[in-house]
Amino acid sequence: MKHLLHLSVLAIGLLFTACGSDAQQPAKSTPSSVATRIDVIEFHSEHRCATCINIEAMTREALNTGFAAQMKDGTITFRLVNVEEEANAKIAEEFGAYGTALFLHVHKNGKDEKIDLTEWAFMKANDAATFKAELTQKLRATL
């Protein structure tokens, strides 16, 4: 009877130890999963042309379809910034955006990089399939 009690205590102890070690493993792998963050920023003025609106729509669609998980966990964010609003003056100046512009602001390995996609975006704005495919490719290469 004594041996059965000792075995029960030992079994319960092993169960708690095993559960405790499994619970700690995900916490160790989480920090490395967000080593890179990309902020996709579209700047615009108050009065937006059809091309500017189209660039926003295609960018959002590419992000929502190809990067839903990264959008959800914050690895990729999208921000629409009106350059004419006083509250946005500092960020517009930092990026040199005074009208419609599209940037990837990449935070990787402790460094920031601003990738200006404005010219590319205007060149591809009338071809939705190419725009979305190439933007997806650019984002995947950056991650």
N, C-alpha and C. Protein backbone atom coordinates (compact mmCIF):
# COMPACT_ATOMS: atom_id res chain seq x y z
N MET A 1 0.83 -1.19 0.00
CA MET A 1 0.00 0.00 0.00
C MET A 1 0.87 1.25 0.00
N LYS A 2 1.97 1.23 0.80
CA LYS A 2 2.88 2.36 0.85
C LYS A 2 3.52 2.60 -0.52
N HIS A 3 3.89 1.52 -1.19
CA HIS A 3 4.53 1.63 -2.49
C HIS A 3 3.59 2.24 -3.51
N LEU A 4 2.32 1.90 -3.43
CA LEU A 4 1.33 2.44 -4.35
C LEU A 4 1.19 3.94 -4.15
N LEU A 5 1.19 4.40 -2.90
CA LEU A 5 1.10 5.82 -2.60
C LEU A 5 2.32 6.55 -3.14
N HIS A 6 3.53 6.00 -2.94
CA HIS A 6 4.76 6.61 -3.45
C HIS A 6 4.75 6.70 -4.98
N LEU A 7 4.27 5.63 -5.62
CA LEU A 7 4.20 5.63 -7.08
C LEU A 7 3.22 6.67 -7.60
N SER A 8 2.11 6.84 -6.90
CA SER A 8 1.12 7.84 -7.29
C SER A 8 1.69 9.25 -7.19
N VAL A 9 2.39 9.54 -6.09
CA VAL A 9 3.01 10.85 -5.89
C VAL A 9 4.07 11.10 -6.96
N LEU A 10 4.86 10.10 -7.26
CA LEU A 10 5.90 10.20 -8.28
C LEU A 10 5.29 10.45 -9.66
N ALA A 11 4.21 9.73 -9.98
CA ALA A 11 3.54 9.89 -11.27
C ALA A 11 2.96 11.29 -11.42
N ILE A 12 2.35 11.81 -10.36
CA ILE A 12 1.78 13.16 -10.39
C ILE A 12 2.89 14.19 -10.55
N GLY A 13 3.99 14.00 -9.85
CA GLY A 13 5.13 14.91 -9.97
C GLY A 13 5.69 14.95 -11.38
N LEU A 14 5.82 13.77 -12.00
CA LEU A 14 6.32 13.70 -13.38
C LEU A 14 5.35 14.37 -14.35
N LEU A 15 4.06 14.20 -14.11
CA LEU A 15 3.05 14.82 -14.97
C LEU A 15 3.17 16.34 -14.93
N PHE A 16 3.29 16.92 -13.74
CA PHE A 16 3.42 18.37 -13.61
C PHE A 16 4.72 18.87 -14.22
N THR A 17 5.79 18.13 -14.05
CA THR A 17 7.07 18.52 -14.62
C THR A 17 7.01 18.51 -16.14
N ALA A 18 6.42 17.47 -16.71
CA ALA A 18 6.32 17.37 -18.16
C ALA A 18 5.45 18.48 -18.72
N CYS A 19 4.34 18.77 -18.10
CA CYS A 19 3.46 19.84 -18.57
C CYS A 19 4.14 21.19 -18.45
N GLY A 20 4.87 21.39 -17.39
CA GLY A 20 5.56 22.66 -17.19
C GLY A 20 6.60 22.91 -18.26
N SER A 21 7.35 21.90 -18.67
CA SER A 21 8.39 22.11 -19.68
C SER A 21 7.78 22.35 -21.05
N ASP A 22 6.66 21.73 -21.38
CA ASP A 22 6.01 21.98 -22.66
C ASP A 22 5.45 23.39 -22.73
N ALA A 23 4.96 23.91 -21.65
CA ALA A 23 4.37 25.23 -21.64
C ALA A 23 5.41 26.31 -21.84
N GLN A 24 6.65 26.06 -21.51
CA GLN A 24 7.68 27.09 -21.63
C GLN A 24 8.27 27.18 -23.03
N GLN A 25 8.22 26.14 -23.84
CA GLN A 25 8.86 26.15 -25.15
C GLN A 25 8.32 27.21 -26.10
N PRO A 26 7.02 27.42 -26.27
CA PRO A 26 6.57 28.44 -27.20
C PRO A 26 7.08 29.84 -26.85
N ALA A 27 7.21 30.16 -25.59
CA ALA A 27 7.69 31.48 -25.19
C ALA A 27 9.12 31.72 -25.67
N LYS A 28 9.93 30.67 -25.74
CA LYS A 28 11.30 30.82 -26.20
C LYS A 28 11.38 31.11 -27.68
N SER A 29 10.45 30.57 -28.49
CA SER A 29 10.52 30.76 -29.93
C SER A 29 9.81 32.02 -30.41
N THR A 30 8.97 32.62 -29.61
CA THR A 30 8.20 33.79 -30.03
C THR A 30 9.04 35.01 -30.38
N PRO A 31 10.03 35.45 -29.58
CA PRO A 31 10.75 36.67 -29.92
C PRO A 31 11.43 36.63 -31.28
N SER A 32 11.98 35.53 -31.70
CA SER A 32 12.67 35.47 -32.99
C SER A 32 11.69 35.53 -34.16
N SER A 33 10.40 35.24 -33.95
CA SER A 33 9.45 35.25 -35.04
C SER A 33 9.08 36.67 -35.49
N VAL A 34 9.38 37.69 -34.72
CA VAL A 34 9.08 39.06 -35.09
C VAL A 34 10.37 39.88 -35.19
N ALA A 35 11.40 39.29 -35.76
CA ALA A 35 12.67 39.99 -35.93
C ALA A 35 12.56 41.06 -37.00
N THR A 36 11.69 40.86 -37.99
CA THR A 36 11.48 41.83 -39.06
C THR A 36 10.06 42.36 -38.97
N ARG A 37 9.92 43.67 -39.15
CA ARG A 37 8.59 44.29 -39.23
C ARG A 37 8.60 45.22 -40.43
N ILE A 38 7.52 45.21 -41.19
CA ILE A 38 7.40 46.08 -42.34
C ILE A 38 6.14 46.92 -42.19
N ASP A 39 6.33 48.24 -42.23
CA ASP A 39 5.20 49.16 -42.24
C ASP A 39 5.02 49.61 -43.68
N VAL A 40 3.89 49.27 -44.27
CA VAL A 40 3.56 49.72 -45.62
C VAL A 40 2.81 51.03 -45.43
N ILE A 41 3.36 52.11 -45.99
CA ILE A 41 2.77 53.43 -45.78
C ILE A 41 2.41 54.04 -47.13
N GLU A 42 1.14 54.41 -47.29
CA GLU A 42 0.73 55.16 -48.47
C GLU A 42 0.38 56.57 -48.04
N PHE A 43 1.09 57.51 -48.60
CA PHE A 43 0.84 58.93 -48.37
C PHE A 43 -0.09 59.43 -49.46
N HIS A 44 -0.91 60.42 -49.13
CA HIS A 44 -1.82 61.01 -50.12
C HIS A 44 -2.17 62.43 -49.69
N SER A 45 -2.69 63.19 -50.64
CA SER A 45 -3.17 64.53 -50.33
C SER A 45 -4.69 64.45 -50.11
N GLU A 46 -5.28 65.56 -49.75
CA GLU A 46 -6.71 65.60 -49.44
C GLU A 46 -7.56 65.16 -50.63
N HIS A 47 -7.26 65.70 -51.79
CA HIS A 47 -8.01 65.37 -53.01
C HIS A 47 -7.25 64.28 -53.75
N ARG A 48 -7.85 63.10 -53.77
CA ARG A 48 -7.16 61.92 -54.32
C ARG A 48 -7.67 61.60 -55.71
N CYS A 49 -6.73 61.28 -56.60
CA CYS A 49 -7.09 60.89 -57.96
C CYS A 49 -7.45 59.40 -57.98
N ALA A 50 -7.97 58.96 -59.11
CA ALA A 50 -8.36 57.55 -59.26
C ALA A 50 -7.15 56.63 -59.11
N THR A 51 -6.00 57.05 -59.62
CA THR A 51 -4.79 56.22 -59.52
C THR A 51 -4.37 56.03 -58.08
N CYS A 52 -4.39 57.08 -57.28
CA CYS A 52 -4.03 57.01 -55.86
C CYS A 52 -4.97 56.06 -55.12
N ILE A 53 -6.24 56.18 -55.39
CA ILE A 53 -7.23 55.31 -54.75
C ILE A 53 -7.02 53.86 -55.19
N ASN A 54 -6.70 53.66 -56.46
CA ASN A 54 -6.44 52.32 -56.99
C ASN A 54 -5.20 51.70 -56.34
N ILE A 55 -4.14 52.49 -56.16
CA ILE A 55 -2.92 51.99 -55.50
C ILE A 55 -3.25 51.52 -54.09
N GLU A 56 -4.05 52.30 -53.37
CA GLU A 56 -4.44 51.90 -52.01
C GLU A 56 -5.22 50.59 -52.03
N ALA A 57 -6.19 50.48 -52.93
CA ALA A 57 -7.04 49.28 -52.98
C ALA A 57 -6.22 48.03 -53.31
N MET A 58 -5.32 48.15 -54.29
CA MET A 58 -4.52 46.98 -54.67
C MET A 58 -3.52 46.62 -53.57
N THR A 59 -2.98 47.63 -52.90
CA THR A 59 -2.05 47.36 -51.80
C THR A 59 -2.77 46.63 -50.68
N ARG A 60 -3.94 47.12 -50.29
CA ARG A 60 -4.72 46.46 -49.24
C ARG A 60 -5.08 45.02 -49.64
N GLU A 61 -5.47 44.83 -50.89
CA GLU A 61 -5.86 43.49 -51.34
C GLU A 61 -4.66 42.54 -51.29
N ALA A 62 -3.50 43.01 -51.75
CA ALA A 62 -2.30 42.17 -51.71
C ALA A 62 -1.94 41.81 -50.28
N LEU A 63 -2.05 42.76 -49.37
CA LEU A 63 -1.72 42.50 -47.96
C LEU A 63 -2.73 41.56 -47.32
N ASN A 64 -4.00 41.80 -47.57
CA ASN A 64 -5.04 40.99 -46.93
C ASN A 64 -5.12 39.56 -47.47
N THR A 65 -4.75 39.36 -48.72
CA THR A 65 -4.82 38.01 -49.28
C THR A 65 -3.51 37.25 -49.12
N GLY A 66 -2.39 37.92 -49.28
CA GLY A 66 -1.11 37.22 -49.23
C GLY A 66 -0.40 37.25 -47.90
N PHE A 67 -0.84 38.16 -47.01
CA PHE A 67 -0.12 38.35 -45.75
C PHE A 67 -1.07 38.52 -44.57
N ALA A 68 -2.18 37.81 -44.60
CA ALA A 68 -3.18 37.94 -43.52
C ALA A 68 -2.59 37.59 -42.16
N ALA A 69 -1.80 36.55 -42.08
CA ALA A 69 -1.21 36.14 -40.79
C ALA A 69 -0.23 37.20 -40.29
N GLN A 70 0.58 37.74 -41.19
CA GLN A 70 1.55 38.78 -40.80
C GLN A 70 0.85 40.08 -40.41
N MET A 71 -0.26 40.38 -41.06
CA MET A 71 -1.04 41.57 -40.69
C MET A 71 -1.64 41.37 -39.30
N LYS A 72 -2.12 40.17 -39.04
CA LYS A 72 -2.74 39.88 -37.76
C LYS A 72 -1.74 39.94 -36.61
N ASP A 73 -0.51 39.40 -36.83
CA ASP A 73 0.47 39.39 -35.74
C ASP A 73 1.33 40.66 -35.68
N GLY A 74 1.11 41.60 -36.60
CA GLY A 74 1.83 42.87 -36.55
C GLY A 74 3.18 42.87 -37.25
N THR A 75 3.54 41.77 -37.90
CA THR A 75 4.79 41.73 -38.65
C THR A 75 4.72 42.71 -39.82
N ILE A 76 3.53 42.83 -40.42
CA ILE A 76 3.29 43.80 -41.49
C ILE A 76 2.11 44.67 -41.07
N THR A 77 2.28 45.98 -41.25
CA THR A 77 1.18 46.91 -40.98
C THR A 77 0.93 47.76 -42.22
N PHE A 78 -0.26 48.32 -42.33
CA PHE A 78 -0.59 49.25 -43.41
C PHE A 78 -1.06 50.54 -42.79
N ARG A 79 -0.57 51.63 -43.32
CA ARG A 79 -0.93 52.94 -42.79
C ARG A 79 -1.21 53.89 -43.95
N LEU A 80 -2.32 54.58 -43.90
CA LEU A 80 -2.71 55.58 -44.89
C LEU A 80 -2.52 56.94 -44.23
N VAL A 81 -1.70 57.80 -44.84
CA VAL A 81 -1.33 59.08 -44.22
C VAL A 81 -1.67 60.24 -45.14
N ASN A 82 -2.51 61.14 -44.66
CA ASN A 82 -2.85 62.36 -45.39
C ASN A 82 -1.76 63.39 -45.11
N VAL A 83 -0.98 63.76 -46.13
CA VAL A 83 0.14 64.68 -45.93
C VAL A 83 -0.31 66.10 -45.64
N GLU A 84 -1.56 66.41 -45.89
CA GLU A 84 -2.06 67.77 -45.66
C GLU A 84 -2.52 68.00 -44.22
N GLU A 85 -2.62 66.93 -43.43
CA GLU A 85 -3.02 67.08 -42.04
C GLU A 85 -1.81 67.45 -41.19
N GLU A 86 -1.97 68.45 -40.37
CA GLU A 86 -0.87 68.96 -39.53
C GLU A 86 -0.25 67.85 -38.67
N ALA A 87 -1.07 66.95 -38.18
CA ALA A 87 -0.58 65.86 -37.33
C ALA A 87 0.39 64.94 -38.07
N ASN A 88 0.34 64.93 -39.39
CA ASN A 88 1.19 64.05 -40.19
C ASN A 88 2.40 64.77 -40.80
N ALA A 89 2.61 66.02 -40.46
CA ALA A 89 3.69 66.80 -41.06
C ALA A 89 5.06 66.18 -40.83
N LYS A 90 5.30 65.70 -39.63
CA LYS A 90 6.62 65.15 -39.30
C LYS A 90 6.92 63.89 -40.12
N ILE A 91 5.97 62.95 -40.19
CA ILE A 91 6.23 61.72 -40.92
C ILE A 91 6.32 61.99 -42.43
N ALA A 92 5.51 62.92 -42.93
CA ALA A 92 5.58 63.27 -44.35
C ALA A 92 6.96 63.85 -44.68
N GLU A 93 7.46 64.71 -43.82
CA GLU A 93 8.79 65.29 -44.03
C GLU A 93 9.88 64.22 -43.92
N GLU A 94 9.76 63.33 -42.95
CA GLU A 94 10.74 62.26 -42.77
C GLU A 94 10.89 61.40 -44.02
N PHE A 95 9.77 61.14 -44.71
CA PHE A 95 9.79 60.31 -45.91
C PHE A 95 9.90 61.14 -47.19
N GLY A 96 9.83 62.46 -47.08
CA GLY A 96 9.88 63.31 -48.27
C GLY A 96 8.63 63.15 -49.12
N ALA A 97 7.51 62.91 -48.48
CA ALA A 97 6.24 62.69 -49.17
C ALA A 97 5.39 63.95 -49.11
N TYR A 98 5.09 64.51 -50.28
CA TYR A 98 4.30 65.74 -50.33
C TYR A 98 3.03 65.55 -51.15
N GLY A 99 2.78 64.34 -51.55
CA GLY A 99 1.60 63.95 -52.30
C GLY A 99 1.51 62.44 -52.22
N THR A 100 1.00 61.82 -53.26
CA THR A 100 0.87 60.36 -53.27
C THR A 100 2.25 59.72 -53.31
N ALA A 101 2.48 58.79 -52.39
CA ALA A 101 3.75 58.05 -52.33
C ALA A 101 3.49 56.73 -51.62
N LEU A 102 4.25 55.71 -52.01
CA LEU A 102 4.12 54.40 -51.39
C LEU A 102 5.50 53.96 -50.91
N PHE A 103 5.59 53.61 -49.63
CA PHE A 103 6.86 53.22 -49.02
C PHE A 103 6.72 51.92 -48.26
N LEU A 104 7.82 51.16 -48.22
CA LEU A 104 7.98 50.08 -47.26
C LEU A 104 8.97 50.60 -46.24
N HIS A 105 8.57 50.65 -44.98
CA HIS A 105 9.49 51.04 -43.90
C HIS A 105 9.85 49.75 -43.18
N VAL A 106 11.06 49.27 -43.45
CA VAL A 106 11.51 47.97 -42.98
C VAL A 106 12.33 48.13 -41.71
N HIS A 107 11.95 47.39 -40.67
CA HIS A 107 12.67 47.35 -39.40
C HIS A 107 13.25 45.94 -39.29
N LYS A 108 14.57 45.82 -39.47
CA LYS A 108 15.19 44.49 -39.50
C LYS A 108 16.57 44.55 -38.86
N ASN A 109 16.83 43.60 -37.95
CA ASN A 109 18.13 43.51 -37.29
C ASN A 109 18.55 44.82 -36.63
N GLY A 110 17.60 45.52 -36.04
CA GLY A 110 17.90 46.76 -35.34
C GLY A 110 18.12 47.96 -36.25
N LYS A 111 17.87 47.81 -37.55
CA LYS A 111 18.07 48.90 -38.51
C LYS A 111 16.77 49.21 -39.22
N ASP A 112 16.63 50.46 -39.66
CA ASP A 112 15.46 50.89 -40.42
C ASP A 112 15.87 51.20 -41.84
N GLU A 113 15.02 50.81 -42.79
CA GLU A 113 15.26 51.12 -44.19
C GLU A 113 13.95 51.59 -44.79
N LYS A 114 14.01 52.67 -45.55
CA LYS A 114 12.83 53.19 -46.25
C LYS A 114 12.99 52.85 -47.73
N ILE A 115 12.05 52.07 -48.25
CA ILE A 115 12.08 51.67 -49.65
C ILE A 115 10.95 52.41 -50.37
N ASP A 116 11.32 53.29 -51.28
CA ASP A 116 10.35 54.11 -52.02
C ASP A 116 9.84 53.33 -53.23
N LEU A 117 8.56 52.99 -53.20
CA LEU A 117 7.93 52.26 -54.30
C LEU A 117 7.02 53.15 -55.14
N THR A 118 7.10 54.46 -54.95
CA THR A 118 6.17 55.38 -55.60
C THR A 118 6.19 55.27 -57.12
N GLU A 119 7.37 55.39 -57.72
CA GLU A 119 7.45 55.35 -59.18
C GLU A 119 6.95 54.01 -59.70
N TRP A 120 7.38 52.92 -59.05
CA TRP A 120 6.93 51.59 -59.43
C TRP A 120 5.41 51.49 -59.33
N ALA A 121 4.83 51.98 -58.23
CA ALA A 121 3.38 51.88 -58.01
C ALA A 121 2.60 52.60 -59.11
N PHE A 122 3.05 53.79 -59.51
CA PHE A 122 2.35 54.51 -60.57
C PHE A 122 2.50 53.80 -61.91
N MET A 123 3.65 53.19 -62.15
CA MET A 123 3.85 52.47 -63.42
C MET A 123 2.97 51.23 -63.51
N LYS A 124 2.66 50.60 -62.37
CA LYS A 124 1.87 49.36 -62.35
C LYS A 124 0.42 49.57 -61.96
N ALA A 125 0.02 50.79 -61.71
CA ALA A 125 -1.31 51.07 -61.16
C ALA A 125 -2.46 50.62 -62.06
N ASN A 126 -2.24 50.50 -63.36
CA ASN A 126 -3.32 50.11 -64.26
C ASN A 126 -3.31 48.61 -64.58
N ASP A 127 -2.48 47.85 -63.88
CA ASP A 127 -2.40 46.41 -64.08
C ASP A 127 -2.45 45.73 -62.72
N ALA A 128 -3.66 45.48 -62.25
CA ALA A 128 -3.86 44.97 -60.89
C ALA A 128 -3.13 43.66 -60.64
N ALA A 129 -3.17 42.74 -61.58
CA ALA A 129 -2.54 41.43 -61.37
C ALA A 129 -1.03 41.59 -61.19
N THR A 130 -0.40 42.38 -62.04
CA THR A 130 1.04 42.59 -61.95
C THR A 130 1.38 43.35 -60.68
N PHE A 131 0.60 44.39 -60.36
CA PHE A 131 0.85 45.19 -59.15
C PHE A 131 0.86 44.29 -57.92
N LYS A 132 -0.20 43.49 -57.75
CA LYS A 132 -0.31 42.64 -56.56
C LYS A 132 0.77 41.56 -56.53
N ALA A 133 1.06 40.96 -57.67
CA ALA A 133 2.08 39.90 -57.71
C ALA A 133 3.46 40.47 -57.38
N GLU A 134 3.80 41.61 -57.96
CA GLU A 134 5.12 42.20 -57.72
C GLU A 134 5.24 42.76 -56.30
N LEU A 135 4.16 43.34 -55.77
CA LEU A 135 4.21 43.83 -54.38
C LEU A 135 4.40 42.65 -53.43
N THR A 136 3.69 41.57 -53.70
CA THR A 136 3.83 40.36 -52.88
C THR A 136 5.27 39.86 -52.92
N GLN A 137 5.85 39.84 -54.10
CA GLN A 137 7.24 39.40 -54.27
C GLN A 137 8.19 40.32 -53.50
N LYS A 138 7.99 41.62 -53.58
CA LYS A 138 8.85 42.59 -52.87
C LYS A 138 8.76 42.38 -51.35
N LEU A 139 7.56 42.17 -50.86
CA LEU A 139 7.37 41.97 -49.42
C LEU A 139 8.00 40.65 -48.95
N ARG A 140 7.79 39.59 -49.70
CA ARG A 140 8.39 38.30 -49.32
C ARG A 140 9.91 38.37 -49.32
N ALA A 141 10.48 39.06 -50.29
CA ALA A 141 11.94 39.21 -50.36
C ALA A 141 12.47 40.01 -49.16
N THR A 142 11.68 40.95 -48.69
CA THR A 142 12.08 41.80 -47.58
C THR A 142 11.96 41.09 -46.23
N LEU A 143 10.95 40.19 -46.12
CA LEU A 143 10.77 39.45 -44.87
C LEU A 143 11.96 38.55 -44.66
